[in-house]
Amino acid sequence: MATVSEKIKDTYEQARTQFNGFEKQVEKKVAKLEKDAKARLEVVKEQLEEVPDQLRGQWEKVVVRLRSALAFATREELEQLGVKVEDLAKKVDKLIRGDKIRSVASKTTKKQ
């Protein structure tokens, strides 16, 4: 019959062997999980790289729509346009007066 210390020693050795086997299994599973996680991470990275291109295209469409909807002249631009319109109106008035003067002058020369 085995003594208590021999039984404890045998039990300890069995537990240690089982623990070592369990530890190896855990290491294998962890390594596999790490490998799977890295592979999935690469897939996610590829998908994320595609997203900015899609967003950029959509954002440009939104910007074009907003520009056309919000195309208002600034106060300075309106003032500049007002000055140009006034200049053009003065030139048109001068042309009209010039035509009237010529028509009056031509009528008076025909009467003589």
C-alpha atoms as a PDB file:
ATOM      1  CA  MET A   1       0.000   0.000   0.000  1.00  0.00           C
ATOM      2  CA  ALA A   2       1.115   3.510  -0.862  1.00  0.00           C
ATOM      3  CA  THR A   3       1.778   5.958   1.834  1.00  0.00           C
ATOM      4  CA  VAL A   4      -0.101   9.250   2.091  1.00  0.00           C
ATOM      5  CA  SER A   5       2.885  11.201   0.832  1.00  0.00           C
ATOM      6  CA  GLU A   6       3.170   8.908  -2.215  1.00  0.00           C
ATOM      7  CA  LYS A   7      -0.519   9.355  -2.968  1.00  0.00           C
ATOM      8  CA  ILE A   8      -0.193  13.110  -2.635  1.00  0.00           C
ATOM      9  CA  LYS A   9       2.877  13.029  -4.856  1.00  0.00           C
ATOM     10  CA  ASP A  10       1.095  10.921  -7.515  1.00  0.00           C
ATOM     11  CA  THR A  11      -1.979  13.138  -7.354  1.00  0.00           C
ATOM     12  CA  TYR A  12       0.192  16.214  -7.662  1.00  0.00           C
ATOM     13  CA  GLU A  13       2.009  14.765 -10.704  1.00  0.00           C
ATOM     14  CA  GLN A  14      -1.301  13.876 -12.371  1.00  0.00           C
ATOM     15  CA  ALA A  15      -2.667  17.337 -11.709  1.00  0.00           C
ATOM     16  CA  ARG A  16       0.516  18.900 -13.030  1.00  0.00           C
ATOM     17  CA  THR A  17       0.367  16.765 -16.201  1.00  0.00           C
ATOM     18  CA  GLN A  18      -3.289  17.648 -16.726  1.00  0.00           C
ATOM     19  CA  PHE A  19      -2.538  21.308 -16.104  1.00  0.00           C
ATOM     20  CA  ASN A  20       0.318  21.258 -18.650  1.00  0.00           C
ATOM     21  CA  GLY A  21      -1.972  19.607 -21.221  1.00  0.00           C
ATOM     22  CA  PHE A  22      -4.692  22.134 -20.482  1.00  0.00           C
ATOM     23  CA  GLU A  23      -2.182  24.980 -20.766  1.00  0.00           C
ATOM     24  CA  LYS A  24      -1.056  23.739 -24.206  1.00  0.00           C
ATOM     25  CA  GLN A  25      -4.671  23.534 -25.385  1.00  0.00           C
ATOM     26  CA  VAL A  26      -5.331  27.064 -24.170  1.00  0.00           C
ATOM     27  CA  GLU A  27      -2.207  28.356 -25.925  1.00  0.00           C
ATOM     28  CA  LYS A  28      -3.298  26.696 -29.186  1.00  0.00           C
ATOM     29  CA  LYS A  29      -6.791  28.153 -28.925  1.00  0.00           C
ATOM     30  CA  VAL A  30      -5.461  31.609 -28.079  1.00  0.00           C
ATOM     31  CA  ALA A  31      -3.082  31.445 -31.052  1.00  0.00           C
ATOM     32  CA  LYS A  32      -5.948  30.421 -33.322  1.00  0.00           C
ATOM     33  CA  LEU A  33      -8.168  33.195 -31.961  1.00  0.00           C
ATOM     34  CA  GLU A  34      -5.389  35.732 -32.510  1.00  0.00           C
ATOM     35  CA  LYS A  35      -4.961  34.533 -36.085  1.00  0.00           C
ATOM     36  CA  ASP A  36      -8.707  34.733 -36.733  1.00  0.00           C
ATOM     37  CA  ALA A  37      -8.896  38.175 -35.141  1.00  0.00           C
ATOM     38  CA  LYS A  38      -6.029  39.450 -37.313  1.00  0.00           C
ATOM     39  CA  ALA A  39      -7.702  38.102 -40.440  1.00  0.00           C
ATOM     40  CA  ARG A  40     -11.005  39.739 -39.483  1.00  0.00           C
ATOM     41  CA  LEU A  41      -9.193  42.959 -38.678  1.00  0.00           C
ATOM     42  CA  GLU A  42      -7.732  43.032 -42.186  1.00  0.00           C
ATOM     43  CA  VAL A  43     -11.215  42.589 -43.655  1.00  0.00           C
ATOM     44  CA  VAL A  44     -12.538  45.430 -41.514  1.00  0.00           C
ATOM     45  CA  LYS A  45      -9.611  47.657 -42.516  1.00  0.00           C
ATOM     46  CA  GLU A  46     -10.348  47.038 -46.187  1.00  0.00           C
ATOM     47  CA  GLN A  47     -13.998  47.896 -45.650  1.00  0.00           C
ATOM     48  CA  LEU A  48     -13.057  51.062 -43.786  1.00  0.00           C
ATOM     49  CA  GLU A  49     -10.785  52.152 -46.607  1.00  0.00           C
ATOM     50  CA  GLU A  50     -13.713  51.890 -49.020  1.00  0.00           C
ATOM     51  CA  VAL A  51     -15.998  54.012 -46.842  1.00  0.00           C
ATOM     52  CA  PRO A  52     -14.111  57.334 -47.144  1.00  0.00           C
ATOM     53  CA  ASP A  53     -14.241  57.121 -50.947  1.00  0.00           C
ATOM     54  CA  GLN A  54     -17.978  56.545 -50.833  1.00  0.00           C
ATOM     55  CA  LEU A  55     -18.457  59.335 -48.303  1.00  0.00           C
ATOM     56  CA  ARG A  56     -16.284  61.704 -50.284  1.00  0.00           C
ATOM     57  CA  GLY A  57     -18.410  61.120 -53.396  1.00  0.00           C
ATOM     58  CA  GLN A  58     -21.636  61.645 -51.490  1.00  0.00           C
ATOM     59  CA  TRP A  59     -20.275  64.716 -49.709  1.00  0.00           C
ATOM     60  CA  GLU A  60     -19.337  66.318 -53.031  1.00  0.00           C
ATOM     61  CA  LYS A  61     -22.898  65.793 -54.260  1.00  0.00           C
ATOM     62  CA  VAL A  62     -24.257  67.436 -51.111  1.00  0.00           C
ATOM     63  CA  VAL A  63     -21.883  70.380 -51.504  1.00  0.00           C
ATOM     64  CA  VAL A  64     -22.966  70.920 -55.120  1.00  0.00           C
ATOM     65  CA  ARG A  65     -26.617  70.889 -54.093  1.00  0.00           C
ATOM     66  CA  LEU A  66     -26.004  73.294 -51.231  1.00  0.00           C
ATOM     67  CA  ARG A  67     -24.036  75.687 -53.404  1.00  0.00           C
ATOM     68  CA  SER A  68     -26.834  75.917 -55.925  1.00  0.00           C
ATOM     69  CA  ALA A  69     -29.432  76.321 -53.189  1.00  0.00           C
ATOM     70  CA  LEU A  70     -27.410  78.877 -51.259  1.00  0.00           C
ATOM     71  CA  ALA A  71     -26.042  80.863 -54.199  1.00  0.00           C
ATOM     72  CA  PHE A  72     -26.745  84.345 -52.815  1.00  0.00           C
ATOM     73  CA  ALA A  73     -24.730  87.419 -53.611  1.00  0.00           C
ATOM     74  CA  THR A  74     -22.954  89.156 -50.778  1.00  0.00           C
ATOM     75  CA  ARG A  75     -23.662  92.781 -49.890  1.00  0.00           C
ATOM     76  CA  GLU A  76     -20.428  93.850 -51.577  1.00  0.00           C
ATOM     77  CA  GLU A  77     -21.300  91.947 -54.747  1.00  0.00           C
ATOM     78  CA  LEU A  78     -24.731  93.557 -54.805  1.00  0.00           C
ATOM     79  CA  GLU A  79     -23.209  97.002 -54.361  1.00  0.00           C
ATOM     80  CA  GLN A  80     -20.769  96.368 -57.205  1.00  0.00           C
ATOM     81  CA  LEU A  81     -23.611  95.208 -59.423  1.00  0.00           C
ATOM     82  CA  GLY A  82     -25.601  98.316 -58.478  1.00  0.00           C
ATOM     83  CA  VAL A  83     -22.711 100.555 -59.533  1.00  0.00           C
ATOM     84  CA  LYS A  84     -22.413  98.731 -62.849  1.00  0.00           C
ATOM     85  CA  VAL A  85     -26.159  99.014 -63.479  1.00  0.00           C
ATOM     86  CA  GLU A  86     -26.050 102.740 -62.750  1.00  0.00           C
ATOM     87  CA  ASP A  87     -23.121 103.189 -65.155  1.00  0.00           C
ATOM     88  CA  LEU A  88     -24.964 101.278 -67.845  1.00  0.00           C
ATOM     89  CA  ALA A  89     -28.129 103.329 -67.256  1.00  0.00           C
ATOM     90  CA  LYS A  90     -26.139 106.564 -67.679  1.00  0.00           C
ATOM     91  CA  LYS A  91     -24.613 105.285 -70.909  1.00  0.00           C
ATOM     92  CA  VAL A  92     -28.050 104.283 -72.230  1.00  0.00           C
ATOM     93  CA  ASP A  93     -29.396 107.749 -71.346  1.00  0.00           C
ATOM     94  CA  LYS A  94     -26.507 109.374 -73.207  1.00  0.00           C
ATOM     95  CA  LEU A  95     -27.167 107.198 -76.240  1.00  0.00           C
ATOM     96  CA  ILE A  96     -30.871 108.060 -76.179  1.00  0.00           C
ATOM     97  CA  ARG A  97     -30.105 111.795 -75.854  1.00  0.00           C
ATOM     98  CA  GLY A  98     -27.600 111.505 -78.676  1.00  0.00           C
ATOM     99  CA  ASP A  99     -30.197 109.889 -80.926  1.00  0.00           C
ATOM    100  CA  LYS A 100     -32.752 112.609 -80.048  1.00  0.00           C
ATOM    101  CA  ILE A 101     -30.245 115.351 -80.788  1.00  0.00           C
ATOM    102  CA  ARG A 102     -29.375 113.759 -84.116  1.00  0.00           C
ATOM    103  CA  SER A 103     -33.023 113.299 -85.051  1.00  0.00           C
ATOM    104  CA  VAL A 104     -33.793 116.938 -84.133  1.00  0.00           C
ATOM    105  CA  ALA A 105     -30.717 118.096 -85.995  1.00  0.00           C
ATOM    106  CA  SER A 106     -31.622 116.081 -89.063  1.00  0.00           C
ATOM    107  CA  LYS A 107     -35.206 117.461 -89.013  1.00  0.00           C
ATOM    108  CA  THR A 108     -33.959 121.038 -88.810  1.00  0.00           C
ATOM    109  CA  THR A 109     -31.503 120.514 -91.660  1.00  0.00           C
ATOM    110  CA  LYS A 110     -34.232 118.985 -93.841  1.00  0.00           C
ATOM    111  CA  LYS A 111     -36.552 121.948 -93.231  1.00  0.00           C
ATOM    112  CA  GLN A 112     -33.972 124.423 -94.388  1.00  0.00           C
END
